[in-house]
Each structure stands twice: as C-alpha cells, then as structure tokens.
Amino acid sequence: MSNGPQLTEEDLKRDAGLTGGQEYCEVYVLVDNDTDQAIGYSICYKAYSTWQGRYFFVEDIYVRPEHRKRGAGKRIFLEVASRAVELQCPRLEFNVLEWNPARKFYESLGAVDLTDKEGWHYYRVEEQQLAKLAADLRAKKS
C-alpha cells in the first residue's frame, strides 16, 4: 500500500462527472460555513452484488483532524446513508484498516465487521498484474 492517495484533483473532478464525462463516483463534501473551507468528504459509488443486487460502496470518508469528534464524520456518514436509501440500496459497504480507530465510530453507527461475522476477505489485483492477465487473454485469443 502506498503512503497516500495518488489521485489528483483533476482525476477526482473527471471521475465525479464534473467535467462532463462519465460519472464513476459521487463526492460529498462538508464545508465549514464560517470559513467556507472543506472540513471533510466522502467518495462513494454504486455497486452490484449477486446476493442483493445494488448497494452503495464508501471508498473513503475523511475529516480533517482538527474537526474530528465534533459530529462532522457522523454528518457525512448520515448523508451517505441517506443517499443509499434514496438509491434503494439495501446495504452500505466499506473497508477499514485494522488499526484505524474509526472502526469504533462505524460500529457505533451500526456497521458490522464482516471479517469477524462472516469470514469475508478483501482481495485486490494491482495494475501490473491486471496488465499481465489482460495480455494472457489476448495471447489465448490469437
């Protein structure tokens, strides 16, 4: 895992559909009314499961450290949950690193750790391996 996001502001604007292209994600920003500065955000997207159909996936929730424990995270989470209901999604899913103290916050809002409850494990195929797999398929088709 890298030390931080590799996404640029331009990438985010493009992928949120803000430049007129395809929308891949929804971005929620909580702004301080006094300073007009962003104090937190969430990036989410619609997903699909053979178990229940559509669901809403939270890729990231972030609140600036100086605004934590003041209700900002809860407000963002409630906005995201409300959007999931609006989209008629029966569930909201997200991943949290084991060491992240926000796990208790999510559990206080009713989130359930599926690793503990159901034994689900989260996997990833990174860019280099994706390219290799795609090349393997192209070679088989030739």
N, C-alpha and C. Protein backbone atom coordinates (compact mmCIF):
# COMPACT_ATOMS: atom_id res chain seq x y z
N MET A 1 0.85 -1.17 0.00
CA MET A 1 0.00 0.00 0.00
C MET A 1 0.90 1.23 0.00
N SER A 2 0.52 2.24 -0.78
CA SER A 2 1.32 3.46 -0.85
C SER A 2 1.13 4.28 0.42
N ASN A 3 1.92 5.33 0.55
CA ASN A 3 1.84 6.19 1.72
C ASN A 3 0.71 7.20 1.66
N GLY A 4 -0.01 7.26 0.58
CA GLY A 4 -1.11 8.21 0.48
C GLY A 4 -1.75 8.14 -0.89
N PRO A 5 -2.80 8.91 -1.06
CA PRO A 5 -3.52 8.88 -2.34
C PRO A 5 -2.64 9.31 -3.50
N GLN A 6 -2.83 8.66 -4.63
CA GLN A 6 -2.13 9.01 -5.85
C GLN A 6 -3.05 9.76 -6.80
N LEU A 7 -4.29 9.92 -6.41
CA LEU A 7 -5.32 10.58 -7.19
C LEU A 7 -5.08 12.09 -7.19
N THR A 8 -5.24 12.71 -8.35
CA THR A 8 -5.12 14.17 -8.42
C THR A 8 -6.50 14.80 -8.34
N GLU A 9 -6.53 16.09 -8.09
CA GLU A 9 -7.80 16.82 -8.07
C GLU A 9 -8.49 16.72 -9.43
N GLU A 10 -7.72 16.77 -10.50
CA GLU A 10 -8.28 16.65 -11.85
C GLU A 10 -8.89 15.27 -12.07
N ASP A 11 -8.22 14.22 -11.57
CA ASP A 11 -8.78 12.86 -11.66
C ASP A 11 -10.13 12.79 -10.97
N LEU A 12 -10.19 13.35 -9.77
CA LEU A 12 -11.43 13.30 -8.99
C LEU A 12 -12.55 14.07 -9.69
N LYS A 13 -12.25 15.24 -10.20
CA LYS A 13 -13.27 16.01 -10.92
C LYS A 13 -13.78 15.24 -12.14
N ARG A 14 -12.86 14.64 -12.88
CA ARG A 14 -13.25 13.84 -14.05
C ARG A 14 -14.13 12.67 -13.65
N ASP A 15 -13.69 11.91 -12.65
CA ASP A 15 -14.39 10.69 -12.27
C ASP A 15 -15.71 10.95 -11.57
N ALA A 16 -15.87 12.13 -11.00
CA ALA A 16 -17.15 12.50 -10.39
C ALA A 16 -18.11 13.08 -11.43
N GLY A 17 -17.67 13.12 -12.69
CA GLY A 17 -18.52 13.64 -13.76
C GLY A 17 -18.59 15.15 -13.81
N LEU A 18 -17.70 15.83 -13.10
CA LEU A 18 -17.76 17.29 -13.02
C LEU A 18 -17.19 17.98 -14.25
N THR A 19 -16.55 17.22 -15.13
CA THR A 19 -16.00 17.82 -16.35
C THR A 19 -16.81 17.40 -17.57
N GLY A 20 -17.99 16.85 -17.33
CA GLY A 20 -18.87 16.49 -18.43
C GLY A 20 -18.77 15.06 -18.90
N GLY A 21 -17.87 14.29 -18.33
CA GLY A 21 -17.71 12.90 -18.76
C GLY A 21 -18.54 11.93 -17.93
N GLN A 22 -18.20 10.66 -18.05
CA GLN A 22 -18.87 9.59 -17.32
C GLN A 22 -18.66 9.75 -15.81
N GLU A 23 -19.72 9.59 -15.04
CA GLU A 23 -19.60 9.65 -13.59
C GLU A 23 -19.27 8.26 -13.05
N TYR A 24 -18.17 8.15 -12.32
CA TYR A 24 -17.77 6.89 -11.71
C TYR A 24 -17.96 6.90 -10.20
N CYS A 25 -18.07 8.08 -9.62
CA CYS A 25 -18.20 8.16 -8.17
C CYS A 25 -19.02 9.39 -7.79
N GLU A 26 -19.47 9.39 -6.56
CA GLU A 26 -20.17 10.54 -6.00
C GLU A 26 -19.30 11.07 -4.88
N VAL A 27 -19.20 12.39 -4.80
CA VAL A 27 -18.36 13.03 -3.79
C VAL A 27 -19.25 13.90 -2.91
N TYR A 28 -19.12 13.72 -1.62
CA TYR A 28 -19.84 14.53 -0.64
C TYR A 28 -18.81 15.32 0.14
N VAL A 29 -18.99 16.63 0.19
CA VAL A 29 -18.03 17.49 0.89
C VAL A 29 -18.78 18.26 1.97
N LEU A 30 -18.26 18.24 3.18
CA LEU A 30 -18.81 19.01 4.28
C LEU A 30 -17.98 20.28 4.41
N VAL A 31 -18.65 21.42 4.33
CA VAL A 31 -17.97 22.71 4.33
C VAL A 31 -18.28 23.46 5.62
N ASP A 32 -17.26 24.07 6.21
CA ASP A 32 -17.43 24.92 7.38
C ASP A 32 -18.07 26.23 6.91
N ASN A 33 -19.25 26.54 7.43
CA ASN A 33 -19.98 27.74 7.00
C ASN A 33 -19.24 29.03 7.33
N ASP A 34 -18.45 29.03 8.39
CA ASP A 34 -17.74 30.25 8.79
C ASP A 34 -16.54 30.54 7.90
N THR A 35 -15.82 29.50 7.50
CA THR A 35 -14.59 29.70 6.72
C THR A 35 -14.73 29.34 5.25
N ASP A 36 -15.83 28.69 4.90
CA ASP A 36 -16.07 28.21 3.53
C ASP A 36 -15.00 27.21 3.09
N GLN A 37 -14.40 26.51 4.05
CA GLN A 37 -13.37 25.52 3.77
C GLN A 37 -13.93 24.11 3.97
N ALA A 38 -13.48 23.19 3.14
CA ALA A 38 -13.88 21.79 3.29
C ALA A 38 -13.27 21.25 4.58
N ILE A 39 -14.10 20.60 5.39
CA ILE A 39 -13.59 20.01 6.63
C ILE A 39 -13.63 18.48 6.57
N GLY A 40 -14.31 17.95 5.56
CA GLY A 40 -14.37 16.50 5.41
C GLY A 40 -15.05 16.14 4.11
N TYR A 41 -14.91 14.88 3.73
CA TYR A 41 -15.54 14.42 2.49
C TYR A 41 -15.76 12.92 2.52
N SER A 42 -16.55 12.46 1.58
CA SER A 42 -16.71 11.03 1.33
C SER A 42 -16.78 10.82 -0.17
N ILE A 43 -16.18 9.73 -0.62
CA ILE A 43 -16.25 9.32 -2.02
C ILE A 43 -16.93 7.96 -2.04
N CYS A 44 -18.01 7.85 -2.83
CA CYS A 44 -18.83 6.63 -2.87
C CYS A 44 -19.15 6.28 -4.31
N TYR A 45 -19.62 5.06 -4.51
CA TYR A 45 -20.09 4.68 -5.84
C TYR A 45 -21.12 3.56 -5.73
N LYS A 46 -21.91 3.45 -6.78
CA LYS A 46 -22.91 2.39 -6.85
C LYS A 46 -22.21 1.09 -7.25
N ALA A 47 -22.62 0.00 -6.62
CA ALA A 47 -22.04 -1.31 -6.91
C ALA A 47 -23.16 -2.32 -7.02
N TYR A 48 -22.80 -3.55 -7.35
CA TYR A 48 -23.82 -4.58 -7.56
C TYR A 48 -23.34 -5.92 -7.01
N SER A 49 -24.26 -6.66 -6.44
CA SER A 49 -23.96 -7.95 -5.84
C SER A 49 -24.99 -8.98 -6.29
N THR A 50 -24.54 -10.20 -6.52
CA THR A 50 -25.50 -11.26 -6.86
C THR A 50 -26.34 -11.64 -5.66
N TRP A 51 -25.94 -11.24 -4.47
CA TRP A 51 -26.69 -11.59 -3.26
C TRP A 51 -27.92 -10.71 -3.09
N GLN A 52 -27.75 -9.39 -3.26
CA GLN A 52 -28.87 -8.47 -3.01
C GLN A 52 -29.05 -7.44 -4.11
N GLY A 53 -28.29 -7.54 -5.17
CA GLY A 53 -28.40 -6.53 -6.22
C GLY A 53 -27.59 -5.30 -5.87
N ARG A 54 -28.19 -4.14 -6.09
CA ARG A 54 -27.44 -2.89 -5.92
C ARG A 54 -27.10 -2.62 -4.45
N TYR A 55 -25.96 -1.98 -4.27
CA TYR A 55 -25.57 -1.47 -2.96
C TYR A 55 -24.69 -0.25 -3.18
N PHE A 56 -24.42 0.48 -2.12
CA PHE A 56 -23.62 1.70 -2.19
C PHE A 56 -22.31 1.41 -1.46
N PHE A 57 -21.19 1.71 -2.12
CA PHE A 57 -19.88 1.44 -1.55
C PHE A 57 -19.20 2.76 -1.19
N VAL A 58 -18.70 2.84 0.03
CA VAL A 58 -17.97 4.02 0.50
C VAL A 58 -16.49 3.73 0.32
N GLU A 59 -15.88 4.43 -0.60
CA GLU A 59 -14.45 4.27 -0.85
C GLU A 59 -13.62 4.97 0.23
N ASP A 60 -14.12 6.12 0.67
CA ASP A 60 -13.34 6.90 1.62
C ASP A 60 -14.24 7.86 2.37
N ILE A 61 -13.95 8.02 3.64
CA ILE A 61 -14.51 9.10 4.46
C ILE A 61 -13.32 9.73 5.15
N TYR A 62 -13.23 11.04 5.08
CA TYR A 62 -12.12 11.73 5.72
C TYR A 62 -12.63 13.00 6.37
N VAL A 63 -12.17 13.26 7.58
CA VAL A 63 -12.45 14.51 8.29
C VAL A 63 -11.10 15.06 8.75
N ARG A 64 -10.88 16.34 8.50
CA ARG A 64 -9.62 16.95 8.95
C ARG A 64 -9.46 16.75 10.46
N PRO A 65 -8.26 16.45 10.91
CA PRO A 65 -8.04 16.13 12.33
C PRO A 65 -8.61 17.18 13.29
N GLU A 66 -8.49 18.44 12.96
CA GLU A 66 -8.96 19.49 13.87
C GLU A 66 -10.49 19.56 13.97
N HIS A 67 -11.18 18.83 13.10
CA HIS A 67 -12.65 18.82 13.13
C HIS A 67 -13.22 17.49 13.61
N ARG A 68 -12.36 16.57 13.98
CA ARG A 68 -12.84 15.26 14.45
C ARG A 68 -13.45 15.37 15.84
N LYS A 69 -14.35 14.43 16.11
CA LYS A 69 -15.06 14.34 17.40
C LYS A 69 -15.97 15.54 17.64
N ARG A 70 -16.44 16.16 16.55
CA ARG A 70 -17.37 17.29 16.64
C ARG A 70 -18.64 17.04 15.83
N GLY A 71 -18.80 15.82 15.34
CA GLY A 71 -20.01 15.49 14.59
C GLY A 71 -19.87 15.54 13.08
N ALA A 72 -18.72 15.96 12.57
CA ALA A 72 -18.54 16.07 11.12
C ALA A 72 -18.59 14.70 10.45
N GLY A 73 -17.88 13.73 11.02
CA GLY A 73 -17.88 12.38 10.44
C GLY A 73 -19.27 11.77 10.44
N LYS A 74 -19.99 11.98 11.53
CA LYS A 74 -21.35 11.44 11.60
C LYS A 74 -22.24 12.10 10.56
N ARG A 75 -22.10 13.40 10.39
CA ARG A 75 -22.92 14.11 9.39
C ARG A 75 -22.64 13.57 7.99
N ILE A 76 -21.38 13.37 7.66
CA ILE A 76 -21.02 12.83 6.36
C ILE A 76 -21.58 11.42 6.20
N PHE A 77 -21.42 10.60 7.23
CA PHE A 77 -21.92 9.22 7.17
C PHE A 77 -23.44 9.21 6.98
N LEU A 78 -24.15 10.09 7.68
CA LEU A 78 -25.61 10.17 7.54
C LEU A 78 -26.01 10.60 6.13
N GLU A 79 -25.26 11.51 5.53
CA GLU A 79 -25.53 11.93 4.15
C GLU A 79 -25.37 10.74 3.20
N VAL A 80 -24.31 9.99 3.39
CA VAL A 80 -24.05 8.82 2.54
C VAL A 80 -25.13 7.77 2.74
N ALA A 81 -25.50 7.50 3.99
CA ALA A 81 -26.56 6.52 4.27
C ALA A 81 -27.88 6.97 3.65
N SER A 82 -28.16 8.24 3.72
CA SER A 82 -29.38 8.78 3.12
C SER A 82 -29.38 8.60 1.61
N ARG A 83 -28.23 8.80 0.99
CA ARG A 83 -28.12 8.60 -0.46
C ARG A 83 -28.33 7.13 -0.82
N ALA A 84 -27.81 6.22 -0.02
CA ALA A 84 -28.02 4.79 -0.25
C ALA A 84 -29.50 4.45 -0.21
N VAL A 85 -30.22 5.01 0.75
CA VAL A 85 -31.67 4.78 0.85
C VAL A 85 -32.37 5.37 -0.37
N GLU A 86 -31.97 6.57 -0.76
CA GLU A 86 -32.55 7.22 -1.95
C GLU A 86 -32.36 6.37 -3.20
N LEU A 87 -31.22 5.70 -3.30
CA LEU A 87 -30.92 4.84 -4.45
C LEU A 87 -31.54 3.45 -4.32
N GLN A 88 -32.27 3.23 -3.24
CA GLN A 88 -32.92 1.95 -2.94
C GLN A 88 -31.89 0.82 -2.81
N CYS A 89 -30.79 1.14 -2.19
CA CYS A 89 -29.75 0.14 -1.92
C CYS A 89 -30.02 -0.49 -0.56
N PRO A 90 -30.05 -1.82 -0.48
CA PRO A 90 -30.32 -2.47 0.80
C PRO A 90 -29.14 -2.48 1.76
N ARG A 91 -27.96 -2.03 1.28
CA ARG A 91 -26.81 -2.03 2.19
C ARG A 91 -25.76 -1.01 1.74
N LEU A 92 -24.91 -0.68 2.70
CA LEU A 92 -23.79 0.23 2.51
C LEU A 92 -22.55 -0.57 2.92
N GLU A 93 -21.53 -0.56 2.09
CA GLU A 93 -20.32 -1.31 2.41
C GLU A 93 -19.09 -0.42 2.33
N PHE A 94 -18.08 -0.78 3.11
CA PHE A 94 -16.81 -0.07 3.09
C PHE A 94 -15.77 -0.93 3.78
N ASN A 95 -14.51 -0.60 3.57
CA ASN A 95 -13.39 -1.30 4.19
C ASN A 95 -12.69 -0.34 5.14
N VAL A 96 -12.19 -0.89 6.23
CA VAL A 96 -11.46 -0.08 7.21
C VAL A 96 -10.21 -0.86 7.61
N LEU A 97 -9.08 -0.20 7.61
CA LEU A 97 -7.85 -0.85 8.05
C LEU A 97 -7.96 -1.25 9.52
N GLU A 98 -7.37 -2.38 9.83
CA GLU A 98 -7.49 -2.95 11.18
C GLU A 98 -7.07 -1.97 12.28
N TRP A 99 -6.05 -1.18 12.03
CA TRP A 99 -5.51 -0.27 13.04
C TRP A 99 -6.31 1.02 13.19
N ASN A 100 -7.25 1.27 12.29
CA ASN A 100 -7.96 2.56 12.26
C ASN A 100 -8.92 2.70 13.44
N PRO A 101 -8.72 3.72 14.29
CA PRO A 101 -9.62 3.90 15.43
C PRO A 101 -11.05 4.25 15.02
N ALA A 102 -11.26 4.64 13.77
CA ALA A 102 -12.62 4.95 13.30
C ALA A 102 -13.51 3.71 13.27
N ARG A 103 -12.92 2.53 13.39
CA ARG A 103 -13.73 1.30 13.41
C ARG A 103 -14.80 1.38 14.51
N LYS A 104 -14.44 1.88 15.67
CA LYS A 104 -15.41 2.00 16.77
C LYS A 104 -16.50 2.99 16.41
N PHE A 105 -16.15 4.05 15.73
CA PHE A 105 -17.14 5.04 15.28
C PHE A 105 -18.15 4.38 14.35
N TYR A 106 -17.67 3.61 13.36
CA TYR A 106 -18.58 2.95 12.42
C TYR A 106 -19.46 1.93 13.13
N GLU A 107 -18.88 1.19 14.06
CA GLU A 107 -19.66 0.21 14.81
C GLU A 107 -20.73 0.90 15.65
N SER A 108 -20.43 2.11 16.16
CA SER A 108 -21.42 2.85 16.95
C SER A 108 -22.61 3.28 16.09
N LEU A 109 -22.40 3.33 14.78
CA LEU A 109 -23.48 3.69 13.85
C LEU A 109 -24.18 2.46 13.28
N GLY A 110 -23.82 1.28 13.77
CA GLY A 110 -24.49 0.06 13.36
C GLY A 110 -23.77 -0.76 12.32
N ALA A 111 -22.57 -0.36 11.93
CA ALA A 111 -21.80 -1.14 10.95
C ALA A 111 -21.32 -2.44 11.60
N VAL A 112 -21.28 -3.50 10.80
CA VAL A 112 -20.87 -4.82 11.28
C VAL A 112 -19.60 -5.23 10.54
N ASP A 113 -18.60 -5.71 11.28
CA ASP A 113 -17.35 -6.17 10.69
C ASP A 113 -17.58 -7.56 10.08
N LEU A 114 -17.65 -7.63 8.75
CA LEU A 114 -17.94 -8.89 8.08
C LEU A 114 -16.79 -9.89 8.15
N THR A 115 -15.58 -9.41 8.40
CA THR A 115 -14.46 -10.34 8.57
C THR A 115 -14.72 -11.19 9.81
N ASP A 116 -15.15 -10.55 10.87
CA ASP A 116 -15.46 -11.27 12.11
C ASP A 116 -16.75 -12.08 11.98
N LYS A 117 -17.78 -11.47 11.42
CA LYS A 117 -19.10 -12.10 11.40
C LYS A 117 -19.24 -13.21 10.37
N GLU A 118 -18.75 -12.96 9.14
CA GLU A 118 -18.99 -13.90 8.05
C GLU A 118 -17.73 -14.46 7.41
N GLY A 119 -16.56 -14.00 7.83
CA GLY A 119 -15.31 -14.52 7.29
C GLY A 119 -14.95 -14.02 5.90
N TRP A 120 -15.52 -12.90 5.47
CA TRP A 120 -15.17 -12.34 4.16
C TRP A 120 -13.76 -11.77 4.21
N HIS A 121 -13.01 -11.97 3.12
CA HIS A 121 -11.69 -11.38 2.97
C HIS A 121 -11.70 -10.51 1.73
N TYR A 122 -10.99 -9.42 1.77
CA TYR A 122 -10.96 -8.44 0.70
C TYR A 122 -9.69 -8.64 -0.11
N TYR A 123 -9.84 -8.80 -1.43
CA TYR A 123 -8.69 -9.02 -2.31
C TYR A 123 -8.55 -7.87 -3.30
N ARG A 124 -7.35 -7.74 -3.84
CA ARG A 124 -7.08 -6.72 -4.84
C ARG A 124 -6.13 -7.30 -5.88
N VAL A 125 -6.35 -6.95 -7.14
CA VAL A 125 -5.40 -7.24 -8.21
C VAL A 125 -4.88 -5.89 -8.68
N GLU A 126 -3.59 -5.66 -8.54
CA GLU A 126 -2.99 -4.37 -8.85
C GLU A 126 -2.72 -4.22 -10.35
N GLU A 127 -2.40 -3.00 -10.75
CA GLU A 127 -2.28 -2.62 -12.16
C GLU A 127 -1.35 -3.53 -12.96
N GLN A 128 -0.17 -3.83 -12.45
CA GLN A 128 0.80 -4.65 -13.18
C GLN A 128 0.24 -6.06 -13.42
N GLN A 129 -0.38 -6.64 -12.41
CA GLN A 129 -0.97 -7.97 -12.57
C GLN A 129 -2.18 -7.92 -13.50
N LEU A 130 -2.97 -6.84 -13.43
CA LEU A 130 -4.10 -6.68 -14.35
C LEU A 130 -3.62 -6.70 -15.79
N ALA A 131 -2.55 -5.96 -16.07
CA ALA A 131 -2.00 -5.91 -17.42
C ALA A 131 -1.54 -7.30 -17.86
N LYS A 132 -0.92 -8.05 -16.97
CA LYS A 132 -0.47 -9.41 -17.29
C LYS A 132 -1.66 -10.31 -17.60
N LEU A 133 -2.70 -10.22 -16.81
CA LEU A 133 -3.90 -11.04 -17.05
C LEU A 133 -4.55 -10.70 -18.38
N ALA A 134 -4.63 -9.41 -18.69
CA ALA A 134 -5.20 -8.99 -19.98
C ALA A 134 -4.34 -9.49 -21.13
N ALA A 135 -3.01 -9.43 -20.98
CA ALA A 135 -2.11 -9.93 -22.02
C ALA A 135 -2.27 -11.44 -22.19
N ASP A 136 -2.44 -12.16 -21.08
CA ASP A 136 -2.67 -13.61 -21.15
C ASP A 136 -3.93 -13.91 -21.96
N LEU A 137 -4.98 -13.14 -21.75
CA LEU A 137 -6.22 -13.35 -22.50
C LEU A 137 -6.01 -13.06 -23.99
N ARG A 138 -5.33 -11.95 -24.29
CA ARG A 138 -5.07 -11.61 -25.70
C ARG A 138 -4.27 -12.72 -26.37
N ALA A 139 -3.29 -13.28 -25.66
CA ALA A 139 -2.47 -14.35 -26.23
C ALA A 139 -3.31 -15.60 -26.51
N LYS A 140 -4.26 -15.90 -25.65
CA LYS A 140 -5.13 -17.07 -25.85
C LYS A 140 -6.08 -16.87 -27.03
N LYS A 141 -6.46 -15.62 -27.30
CA LYS A 141 -7.39 -15.32 -28.40
C LYS A 141 -6.69 -15.32 -29.75
N SER A 142 -5.34 -15.18 -29.77
CA SER A 142 -4.63 -15.11 -31.05
C SER A 142 -4.42 -16.47 -31.65
